[in-house]
């Protein structure tokens, strides 16, 4: 079992920045690929970004490329999502997810992930 706890969400003006954190506990964090998803009201949960266990590979949705960066610190059992140049359409609940993987593979599909956090709200005002 892996427990995931997100933090760092909040209210920010358009153009601003936030850094989300996801702290993991339980099994060896470095054995997991990690991802961030988001869900806006009335919409399906969507992929934002993901990173392999070694940080060798990352992937991001087209809508956030160039603005959001995912990175991790295995010594701290934490994955981060740095969000810059935020837009009102980035408003959503952001979820952290983990998938057991020791390869370079970066999962992107909802169903590929084994564990989920409770989410943290990000609201971007115009």
N, C-alpha and C. Protein backbone atom coordinates (compact mmCIF):
# COMPACT_ATOMS: atom_id res chain seq x y z
N UNK A 1 0.82 -1.20 0.00
CA UNK A 1 0.00 0.00 0.00
C UNK A 1 0.86 1.25 0.00
N UNK A 2 0.39 2.26 -0.69
CA UNK A 2 1.03 3.56 -0.72
C UNK A 2 -0.01 4.61 -0.37
N UNK A 3 0.32 5.47 0.55
CA UNK A 3 -0.58 6.57 0.90
C UNK A 3 -0.01 7.86 0.30
N UNK A 4 -0.87 8.62 -0.33
CA UNK A 4 -0.47 9.85 -1.00
C UNK A 4 -1.24 11.03 -0.42
N UNK A 5 -0.53 12.08 -0.08
CA UNK A 5 -1.16 13.28 0.47
C UNK A 5 -0.68 14.50 -0.29
N UNK A 6 -1.63 15.16 -0.96
CA UNK A 6 -1.29 16.36 -1.73
C UNK A 6 -1.39 17.61 -0.85
N UNK A 7 -0.62 18.62 -1.22
CA UNK A 7 -0.69 19.91 -0.55
C UNK A 7 -0.22 20.98 -1.52
N UNK A 8 -0.48 22.24 -1.14
CA UNK A 8 0.02 23.34 -1.95
C UNK A 8 -1.02 24.02 -2.81
N UNK A 9 -2.22 23.49 -2.83
CA UNK A 9 -3.27 24.14 -3.61
C UNK A 9 -3.70 25.45 -2.98
N UNK A 10 -4.53 26.20 -3.72
CA UNK A 10 -5.02 27.46 -3.19
C UNK A 10 -5.60 28.32 -4.28
N UNK A 11 -5.78 29.59 -3.93
CA UNK A 11 -6.34 30.58 -4.85
C UNK A 11 -5.21 31.47 -5.35
N UNK A 12 -5.13 31.65 -6.67
CA UNK A 12 -4.09 32.46 -7.26
C UNK A 12 -4.66 33.22 -8.44
N UNK A 13 -4.12 34.37 -8.72
CA UNK A 13 -4.56 35.14 -9.88
C UNK A 13 -3.95 34.58 -11.17
N UNK A 14 -4.62 34.82 -12.25
CA UNK A 14 -4.11 34.40 -13.56
C UNK A 14 -2.71 34.97 -13.77
N UNK A 15 -1.83 34.13 -14.29
CA UNK A 15 -0.45 34.54 -14.48
C UNK A 15 0.46 34.17 -13.32
N UNK A 16 -0.15 33.79 -12.21
CA UNK A 16 0.63 33.45 -11.03
C UNK A 16 1.15 32.02 -11.05
N UNK A 17 1.77 31.63 -9.93
CA UNK A 17 2.39 30.31 -9.83
C UNK A 17 1.98 29.62 -8.53
N UNK A 18 1.99 28.31 -8.58
CA UNK A 18 1.80 27.47 -7.41
C UNK A 18 2.68 26.25 -7.55
N UNK A 19 3.09 25.69 -6.43
CA UNK A 19 3.81 24.42 -6.44
C UNK A 19 3.02 23.43 -5.60
N UNK A 20 2.59 22.37 -6.22
CA UNK A 20 1.91 21.29 -5.52
C UNK A 20 2.93 20.25 -5.07
N UNK A 21 2.66 19.67 -3.92
CA UNK A 21 3.49 18.59 -3.41
C UNK A 21 2.63 17.37 -3.15
N UNK A 22 3.24 16.22 -3.29
CA UNK A 22 2.57 14.96 -2.98
C UNK A 22 3.54 14.11 -2.19
N UNK A 23 3.23 13.93 -0.92
CA UNK A 23 4.08 13.13 -0.05
C UNK A 23 3.57 11.70 -0.01
N UNK A 24 4.48 10.76 -0.20
CA UNK A 24 4.11 9.35 -0.22
C UNK A 24 4.65 8.63 1.00
N UNK A 25 3.88 7.70 1.48
CA UNK A 25 4.33 6.84 2.57
C UNK A 25 3.90 5.42 2.28
N UNK A 26 4.56 4.49 2.92
CA UNK A 26 4.24 3.09 2.66
C UNK A 26 5.41 2.40 2.01
N UNK A 27 5.19 1.84 0.86
CA UNK A 27 6.24 1.11 0.16
C UNK A 27 7.28 2.05 -0.44
N UNK A 28 8.34 1.49 -0.93
CA UNK A 28 9.45 2.26 -1.45
C UNK A 28 9.02 3.20 -2.57
N UNK A 29 9.13 4.48 -2.29
CA UNK A 29 8.69 5.51 -3.22
C UNK A 29 9.38 5.39 -4.56
N UNK A 30 10.66 5.05 -4.53
CA UNK A 30 11.43 5.02 -5.78
C UNK A 30 11.02 3.85 -6.68
N UNK A 31 10.13 3.00 -6.22
CA UNK A 31 9.63 1.90 -7.05
C UNK A 31 8.39 2.29 -7.84
N UNK A 32 8.03 3.55 -7.77
CA UNK A 32 6.78 3.99 -8.37
C UNK A 32 6.99 5.13 -9.36
N UNK A 33 6.34 5.01 -10.50
CA UNK A 33 6.16 6.16 -11.36
C UNK A 33 5.05 7.00 -10.76
N UNK A 34 5.13 8.31 -10.93
CA UNK A 34 4.17 9.20 -10.29
C UNK A 34 3.51 10.09 -11.34
N UNK A 35 2.28 10.46 -11.05
CA UNK A 35 1.57 11.32 -11.99
C UNK A 35 0.68 12.33 -11.29
N UNK A 36 0.31 13.33 -12.03
CA UNK A 36 -0.67 14.33 -11.60
C UNK A 36 -1.83 14.34 -12.59
N UNK A 37 -3.03 14.36 -12.05
CA UNK A 37 -4.24 14.49 -12.85
C UNK A 37 -5.05 15.64 -12.28
N UNK A 38 -6.04 16.09 -13.01
CA UNK A 38 -6.92 17.13 -12.49
C UNK A 38 -8.34 16.89 -12.96
N UNK A 39 -9.26 17.41 -12.18
CA UNK A 39 -10.68 17.27 -12.52
C UNK A 39 -11.40 18.57 -12.22
N UNK A 40 -11.92 19.18 -13.26
CA UNK A 40 -12.70 20.40 -13.12
C UNK A 40 -14.17 20.04 -12.93
N UNK A 41 -14.96 20.93 -12.35
CA UNK A 41 -16.39 20.64 -12.14
C UNK A 41 -17.09 20.25 -13.43
N UNK A 42 -17.79 19.14 -13.40
CA UNK A 42 -18.54 18.70 -14.56
C UNK A 42 -17.72 18.06 -15.66
N UNK A 43 -16.44 17.87 -15.40
CA UNK A 43 -15.57 17.28 -16.42
C UNK A 43 -14.92 16.01 -15.91
N UNK A 44 -14.39 15.23 -16.83
CA UNK A 44 -13.70 14.01 -16.45
C UNK A 44 -12.30 14.34 -15.94
N UNK A 45 -11.78 13.42 -15.14
CA UNK A 45 -10.41 13.57 -14.66
C UNK A 45 -9.47 13.42 -15.85
N UNK A 46 -8.49 14.31 -15.93
CA UNK A 46 -7.58 14.29 -17.07
C UNK A 46 -6.12 14.29 -16.64
N UNK A 47 -5.31 13.73 -17.50
CA UNK A 47 -3.87 13.65 -17.28
C UNK A 47 -3.24 15.04 -17.35
N UNK A 48 -2.31 15.29 -16.42
CA UNK A 48 -1.57 16.55 -16.43
C UNK A 48 -0.09 16.29 -16.73
N UNK A 49 0.54 15.45 -15.91
CA UNK A 49 1.96 15.18 -16.08
C UNK A 49 2.33 13.91 -15.33
N UNK A 50 3.44 13.30 -15.74
CA UNK A 50 3.91 12.09 -15.06
C UNK A 50 5.42 12.00 -15.17
N UNK A 51 6.01 11.20 -14.27
CA UNK A 51 7.46 11.07 -14.21
C UNK A 51 7.81 9.64 -13.84
N UNK A 52 8.86 9.12 -14.45
CA UNK A 52 9.30 7.77 -14.15
C UNK A 52 9.96 7.73 -12.78
N UNK A 53 10.21 6.52 -12.28
CA UNK A 53 10.76 6.39 -10.93
C UNK A 53 12.11 7.08 -10.78
N UNK A 54 12.90 7.08 -11.85
CA UNK A 54 14.25 7.62 -11.78
C UNK A 54 14.35 9.07 -12.24
N UNK A 55 13.21 9.65 -12.64
CA UNK A 55 13.16 10.99 -13.23
C UNK A 55 13.76 11.04 -14.62
N UNK A 56 14.10 9.88 -15.16
CA UNK A 56 14.68 9.84 -16.50
C UNK A 56 13.70 10.30 -17.56
N UNK A 57 12.44 9.96 -17.35
CA UNK A 57 11.41 10.30 -18.35
C UNK A 57 10.28 11.08 -17.71
N UNK A 58 9.80 12.07 -18.45
CA UNK A 58 8.62 12.81 -18.01
C UNK A 58 7.69 12.99 -19.21
N UNK A 59 6.45 13.31 -18.89
CA UNK A 59 5.47 13.58 -19.92
C UNK A 59 4.49 14.60 -19.39
N UNK A 60 3.96 15.43 -20.28
CA UNK A 60 2.98 16.44 -19.86
C UNK A 60 1.92 16.59 -20.94
N UNK A 61 0.73 16.93 -20.50
CA UNK A 61 -0.35 17.19 -21.44
C UNK A 61 -0.02 18.44 -22.27
N UNK A 62 -0.51 18.47 -23.48
CA UNK A 62 -0.24 19.61 -24.36
C UNK A 62 -0.72 20.92 -23.74
N UNK A 63 -1.80 20.86 -22.99
CA UNK A 63 -2.39 22.07 -22.41
C UNK A 63 -1.52 22.71 -21.34
N UNK A 64 -0.55 21.97 -20.82
CA UNK A 64 0.29 22.52 -19.75
C UNK A 64 1.77 22.56 -20.12
N UNK A 65 2.14 22.04 -21.27
CA UNK A 65 3.54 22.03 -21.68
C UNK A 65 4.08 23.45 -21.73
N UNK A 66 5.28 23.61 -21.19
CA UNK A 66 5.89 24.93 -21.17
C UNK A 66 5.48 25.77 -19.97
N UNK A 67 4.47 25.32 -19.24
CA UNK A 67 4.00 26.05 -18.05
C UNK A 67 4.15 25.22 -16.77
N UNK A 68 3.90 23.94 -16.86
CA UNK A 68 3.96 23.07 -15.69
C UNK A 68 5.19 22.16 -15.80
N UNK A 69 5.80 21.88 -14.65
CA UNK A 69 6.94 20.97 -14.60
C UNK A 69 6.74 19.98 -13.47
N UNK A 70 6.92 18.71 -13.76
CA UNK A 70 6.86 17.68 -12.72
C UNK A 70 8.28 17.27 -12.38
N UNK A 71 8.54 17.10 -11.09
CA UNK A 71 9.83 16.60 -10.65
C UNK A 71 9.64 15.90 -9.31
N UNK A 72 10.64 15.14 -8.92
CA UNK A 72 10.51 14.35 -7.69
C UNK A 72 11.82 14.35 -6.93
N UNK A 73 11.69 14.08 -5.64
CA UNK A 73 12.83 13.92 -4.75
C UNK A 73 12.63 12.59 -4.02
N UNK A 74 13.29 11.55 -4.49
CA UNK A 74 13.08 10.23 -3.89
C UNK A 74 13.57 10.16 -2.45
N UNK A 75 14.54 10.99 -2.10
CA UNK A 75 15.02 11.00 -0.72
C UNK A 75 13.96 11.53 0.24
N UNK A 76 13.06 12.37 -0.30
CA UNK A 76 12.00 12.94 0.52
C UNK A 76 10.65 12.29 0.26
N UNK A 77 10.63 11.27 -0.60
CA UNK A 77 9.38 10.59 -0.93
C UNK A 77 8.30 11.56 -1.40
N UNK A 78 8.71 12.50 -2.22
CA UNK A 78 7.79 13.55 -2.63
C UNK A 78 7.91 13.82 -4.13
N UNK A 79 6.75 14.04 -4.75
CA UNK A 79 6.71 14.48 -6.14
C UNK A 79 6.06 15.86 -6.16
N UNK A 80 6.50 16.69 -7.07
CA UNK A 80 6.05 18.07 -7.12
C UNK A 80 5.46 18.39 -8.50
N UNK A 81 4.61 19.40 -8.51
CA UNK A 81 4.13 19.95 -9.78
C UNK A 81 4.26 21.46 -9.68
N UNK A 82 5.24 22.00 -10.37
CA UNK A 82 5.43 23.44 -10.43
C UNK A 82 4.55 23.99 -11.53
N UNK A 83 3.66 24.89 -11.18
CA UNK A 83 2.70 25.44 -12.13
C UNK A 83 2.93 26.94 -12.27
N UNK A 84 3.31 27.35 -13.46
CA UNK A 84 3.56 28.76 -13.77
C UNK A 84 2.57 29.25 -14.81
N UNK A 85 2.46 30.55 -14.92
CA UNK A 85 1.57 31.17 -15.92
C UNK A 85 0.18 30.56 -15.87
N UNK A 86 -0.36 30.46 -14.68
CA UNK A 86 -1.65 29.81 -14.49
C UNK A 86 -2.77 30.56 -15.19
N UNK A 87 -3.73 29.78 -15.67
CA UNK A 87 -4.88 30.33 -16.38
C UNK A 87 -6.16 29.90 -15.65
N UNK A 88 -7.24 30.65 -15.83
CA UNK A 88 -8.50 30.25 -15.18
C UNK A 88 -8.91 28.81 -15.54
N UNK A 89 -8.59 28.37 -16.74
CA UNK A 89 -8.96 27.02 -17.15
C UNK A 89 -8.14 25.94 -16.46
N UNK A 90 -7.14 26.33 -15.68
CA UNK A 90 -6.39 25.37 -14.88
C UNK A 90 -7.10 25.06 -13.56
N UNK A 91 -8.17 25.79 -13.28
CA UNK A 91 -8.92 25.56 -12.06
C UNK A 91 -9.47 24.15 -12.01
N UNK A 92 -9.15 23.43 -10.94
CA UNK A 92 -9.56 22.03 -10.82
C UNK A 92 -9.08 21.49 -9.48
N UNK A 93 -9.54 20.30 -9.16
CA UNK A 93 -8.93 19.54 -8.07
C UNK A 93 -7.81 18.73 -8.68
N UNK A 94 -6.63 18.84 -8.11
CA UNK A 94 -5.45 18.15 -8.62
C UNK A 94 -5.16 16.92 -7.76
N UNK A 95 -4.97 15.80 -8.44
CA UNK A 95 -4.74 14.53 -7.77
C UNK A 95 -3.36 13.98 -8.11
N UNK A 96 -2.74 13.42 -7.10
CA UNK A 96 -1.48 12.72 -7.26
C UNK A 96 -1.78 11.23 -7.39
N UNK A 97 -0.99 10.52 -8.19
CA UNK A 97 -1.21 9.10 -8.38
C UNK A 97 0.12 8.37 -8.51
N UNK A 98 0.10 7.08 -8.15
CA UNK A 98 1.32 6.27 -8.18
C UNK A 98 1.07 4.96 -8.91
N UNK A 99 2.07 4.54 -9.68
CA UNK A 99 2.01 3.25 -10.37
C UNK A 99 3.31 2.51 -10.12
N UNK A 100 3.19 1.28 -9.64
CA UNK A 100 4.38 0.47 -9.40
C UNK A 100 5.12 0.25 -10.71
N UNK A 101 6.37 0.71 -10.78
CA UNK A 101 7.14 0.58 -12.02
C UNK A 101 8.60 0.87 -11.74
N UNK A 102 9.47 -0.01 -12.24
CA UNK A 102 10.90 0.21 -12.07
C UNK A 102 11.57 0.46 -13.42
N UNK A 103 10.78 0.83 -14.41
CA UNK A 103 11.34 1.06 -15.75
C UNK A 103 11.30 2.56 -16.06
N UNK A 104 11.70 2.89 -17.27
CA UNK A 104 11.67 4.27 -17.71
C UNK A 104 10.28 4.70 -18.14
N UNK A 105 9.37 3.73 -18.19
CA UNK A 105 8.03 3.98 -18.72
C UNK A 105 7.28 5.03 -17.92
N UNK A 106 6.58 5.93 -18.62
CA UNK A 106 5.80 6.98 -17.97
C UNK A 106 4.33 6.73 -18.26
N UNK A 107 3.56 6.33 -17.28
CA UNK A 107 2.13 6.09 -17.52
C UNK A 107 1.37 7.40 -17.69
N UNK A 108 0.30 7.34 -18.50
CA UNK A 108 -0.49 8.54 -18.74
C UNK A 108 -1.99 8.30 -18.61
N UNK A 109 -2.38 7.05 -18.58
CA UNK A 109 -3.80 6.72 -18.54
C UNK A 109 -4.28 6.56 -17.11
N UNK A 110 -5.49 7.00 -16.88
CA UNK A 110 -6.11 6.94 -15.55
C UNK A 110 -6.02 5.54 -14.97
N UNK A 111 -6.39 4.56 -15.76
CA UNK A 111 -6.46 3.19 -15.27
C UNK A 111 -5.13 2.53 -15.00
N UNK A 112 -4.04 3.16 -15.39
CA UNK A 112 -2.72 2.57 -15.18
C UNK A 112 -2.22 2.75 -13.74
N UNK A 113 -2.78 3.70 -13.05
CA UNK A 113 -2.27 4.04 -11.72
C UNK A 113 -2.94 3.22 -10.63
N UNK A 114 -2.14 2.86 -9.64
CA UNK A 114 -2.59 1.95 -8.58
C UNK A 114 -3.11 2.68 -7.35
N UNK A 115 -2.57 3.84 -7.06
CA UNK A 115 -2.92 4.56 -5.83
C UNK A 115 -3.18 6.03 -6.16
N UNK A 116 -4.09 6.60 -5.37
CA UNK A 116 -4.50 7.99 -5.58
C UNK A 116 -4.55 8.74 -4.26
N UNK A 117 -4.25 10.03 -4.33
CA UNK A 117 -4.44 10.89 -3.18
C UNK A 117 -5.85 11.44 -3.17
N UNK A 118 -6.13 12.26 -2.16
CA UNK A 118 -7.47 12.82 -1.99
C UNK A 118 -7.70 14.09 -2.81
N UNK A 119 -6.63 14.68 -3.28
CA UNK A 119 -6.77 15.86 -4.12
C UNK A 119 -6.57 17.16 -3.37
N UNK A 120 -6.18 18.19 -4.11
CA UNK A 120 -6.03 19.53 -3.56
C UNK A 120 -6.61 20.52 -4.58
N UNK A 121 -7.36 21.49 -4.07
CA UNK A 121 -8.06 22.41 -4.95
C UNK A 121 -7.12 23.53 -5.41
N UNK A 122 -7.15 23.78 -6.70
CA UNK A 122 -6.45 24.92 -7.29
C UNK A 122 -7.48 25.79 -7.99
N UNK A 123 -7.53 27.05 -7.61
CA UNK A 123 -8.47 27.99 -8.21
C UNK A 123 -7.70 29.18 -8.76
N UNK A 124 -7.89 29.45 -10.05
CA UNK A 124 -7.20 30.55 -10.70
C UNK A 124 -8.24 31.59 -11.08
N UNK A 125 -8.10 32.78 -10.53
CA UNK A 125 -9.05 33.84 -10.81
C UNK A 125 -8.56 34.70 -11.98
N UNK A 126 -9.51 35.23 -12.71
CA UNK A 126 -9.16 36.04 -13.89
C UNK A 126 -9.03 37.51 -13.53
